[in-house]
Structure formats: C-alpha cells, structure tokens
C-alpha cells in the first residue's frame, strides 16, 4: 500500500521510500525513514495535496510524492 491510498485519520508505518533522485532524498531528509509512524490528517478537496503529521510536525505532500512512499497500516 502507498501513502496516497491512506484515508484521513489513519496512522501507518513507512516500509520503504520508492523514489530516487532529489525528491526521494528530500523525503528522507524530512523524516520519511523506514519504521517511522505517519498520521494522515486530511486530503485537500481535489485530493492534492495530502496533509500528514510525521515526527511531530505537519507536512503537505503532492499525491505523486505520496505514491512513492510504501506504508503498512497500523
């Protein structure tokens, strides 16, 4: 399952970041490490961006970025 498939109010754990290059490195720098717990706060009305809470701070991700984060539901 990927992060873009999670519904608001759900928590999940990162399994793997499947993105390379600058975007993948930026996600890792922002705390998207395997084993980290993420809370999905909300999806914007047009489903882009997705607001998540990771390591105590809020972050908005594009749907294309969220598709590159493999997660497991808690």
C-alpha atoms as a PDB file:
ATOM      1  CA  UNK A   1       0.000   0.000   0.000  1.00  0.00           C
ATOM      2  CA  UNK A   2       1.223   3.519  -0.658  1.00  0.00           C
ATOM      3  CA  UNK A   3       0.688   6.691   1.367  1.00  0.00           C
ATOM      4  CA  UNK A   4      -1.695   8.211  -1.200  1.00  0.00           C
ATOM      5  CA  UNK A   5      -4.134   5.308  -0.568  1.00  0.00           C
ATOM      6  CA  UNK A   6      -4.466   6.056   3.165  1.00  0.00           C
ATOM      7  CA  UNK A   7      -7.626   7.779   4.405  1.00  0.00           C
ATOM      8  CA  UNK A   8      -7.630  10.820   6.720  1.00  0.00           C
ATOM      9  CA  UNK A   9      -7.498   9.872  10.384  1.00  0.00           C
ATOM     10  CA  UNK A  10      -5.451   6.713   9.780  1.00  0.00           C
ATOM     11  CA  UNK A  11      -1.945   6.001  11.010  1.00  0.00           C
ATOM     12  CA  UNK A  12       0.618   3.987   9.116  1.00  0.00           C
ATOM     13  CA  UNK A  13       4.264   2.977   9.299  1.00  0.00           C
ATOM     14  CA  UNK A  14       6.741   3.645   6.497  1.00  0.00           C
ATOM     15  CA  UNK A  15       8.114   0.489   4.906  1.00  0.00           C
ATOM     16  CA  UNK A  16      10.149   1.994   2.075  1.00  0.00           C
ATOM     17  CA  UNK A  17      10.629   5.228   0.106  1.00  0.00           C
ATOM     18  CA  UNK A  18      10.451   4.171  -3.553  1.00  0.00           C
ATOM     19  CA  UNK A  19      11.689   7.433  -5.044  1.00  0.00           C
ATOM     20  CA  UNK A  20      15.158   8.273  -6.176  1.00  0.00           C
ATOM     21  CA  UNK A  21      16.854  11.495  -7.002  1.00  0.00           C
ATOM     22  CA  UNK A  22      16.235  14.844  -5.370  1.00  0.00           C
ATOM     23  CA  UNK A  23      12.633  14.154  -4.332  1.00  0.00           C
ATOM     24  CA  UNK A  24      13.489  10.855  -2.654  1.00  0.00           C
ATOM     25  CA  UNK A  25      16.395  12.456  -0.799  1.00  0.00           C
ATOM     26  CA  UNK A  26      14.180  15.358   0.291  1.00  0.00           C
ATOM     27  CA  UNK A  27      11.605  12.941   1.739  1.00  0.00           C
ATOM     28  CA  UNK A  28      14.330  11.112   3.660  1.00  0.00           C
ATOM     29  CA  UNK A  29      15.675  14.443   4.947  1.00  0.00           C
ATOM     30  CA  UNK A  30      12.180  15.371   6.189  1.00  0.00           C
ATOM     31  CA  UNK A  31      11.977  12.201   8.293  1.00  0.00           C
ATOM     32  CA  UNK A  32      10.375   9.661   5.958  1.00  0.00           C
ATOM     33  CA  UNK A  33      12.614   6.843   7.189  1.00  0.00           C
ATOM     34  CA  UNK A  34      11.508   3.177   7.263  1.00  0.00           C
ATOM     35  CA  UNK A  35       9.842   2.405  10.599  1.00  0.00           C
ATOM     36  CA  UNK A  36       8.556   5.953  11.154  1.00  0.00           C
ATOM     37  CA  UNK A  37       4.873   6.360  12.044  1.00  0.00           C
ATOM     38  CA  UNK A  38       2.803   8.830   9.992  1.00  0.00           C
ATOM     39  CA  UNK A  39      -0.698  10.185  10.648  1.00  0.00           C
ATOM     40  CA  UNK A  40      -2.792  11.202   7.647  1.00  0.00           C
ATOM     41  CA  UNK A  41      -4.558  14.414   8.656  1.00  0.00           C
ATOM     42  CA  UNK A  42      -6.551  15.329   5.560  1.00  0.00           C
ATOM     43  CA  UNK A  43      -6.796  15.236   1.802  1.00  0.00           C
ATOM     44  CA  UNK A  44      -7.469  18.516   0.027  1.00  0.00           C
ATOM     45  CA  UNK A  45     -10.824  18.754  -1.799  1.00  0.00           C
ATOM     46  CA  UNK A  46      -9.261  17.815  -5.137  1.00  0.00           C
ATOM     47  CA  UNK A  47      -7.121  15.127  -3.413  1.00  0.00           C
ATOM     48  CA  UNK A  48      -3.905  17.085  -3.803  1.00  0.00           C
ATOM     49  CA  UNK A  49      -2.037  17.844  -1.513  1.00  0.00           C
ATOM     50  CA  UNK A  50      -2.197  15.323   1.327  1.00  0.00           C
ATOM     51  CA  UNK A  51      -1.537  16.681   4.833  1.00  0.00           C
ATOM     52  CA  UNK A  52       0.393  14.325   7.103  1.00  0.00           C
ATOM     53  CA  UNK A  53       1.995  14.509  10.533  1.00  0.00           C
ATOM     54  CA  UNK A  54       5.450  12.988  10.805  1.00  0.00           C
ATOM     55  CA  UNK A  55       7.806  13.241  13.791  1.00  0.00           C
ATOM     56  CA  UNK A  56       5.650  15.913  15.431  1.00  0.00           C
ATOM     57  CA  UNK A  57       5.290  18.330  12.534  1.00  0.00           C
ATOM     58  CA  UNK A  58       2.778  18.867   9.748  1.00  0.00           C
ATOM     59  CA  UNK A  59       3.722  18.403   6.120  1.00  0.00           C
ATOM     60  CA  UNK A  60       1.836  18.687   2.816  1.00  0.00           C
ATOM     61  CA  UNK A  61       2.783  16.217   0.079  1.00  0.00           C
ATOM     62  CA  UNK A  62       1.785  16.082  -3.544  1.00  0.00           C
ATOM     63  CA  UNK A  63      -0.103  12.934  -4.473  1.00  0.00           C
ATOM     64  CA  UNK A  64       2.751  11.964  -6.816  1.00  0.00           C
ATOM     65  CA  UNK A  65       5.197  12.158  -3.895  1.00  0.00           C
ATOM     66  CA  UNK A  66       2.889  10.152  -1.623  1.00  0.00           C
ATOM     67  CA  UNK A  67       2.688   7.393  -4.250  1.00  0.00           C
ATOM     68  CA  UNK A  68       6.422   6.841  -3.765  1.00  0.00           C
ATOM     69  CA  UNK A  69       6.105   6.060  -0.047  1.00  0.00           C
ATOM     70  CA  UNK A  70       5.241   2.432   0.711  1.00  0.00           C
ATOM     71  CA  UNK A  71       3.422   2.036   4.043  1.00  0.00           C
ATOM     72  CA  UNK A  72       1.661  -0.536   6.214  1.00  0.00           C
ATOM     73  CA  UNK A  73      -1.480   0.254   8.190  1.00  0.00           C
ATOM     74  CA  UNK A  74      -1.323   0.196  11.999  1.00  0.00           C
END
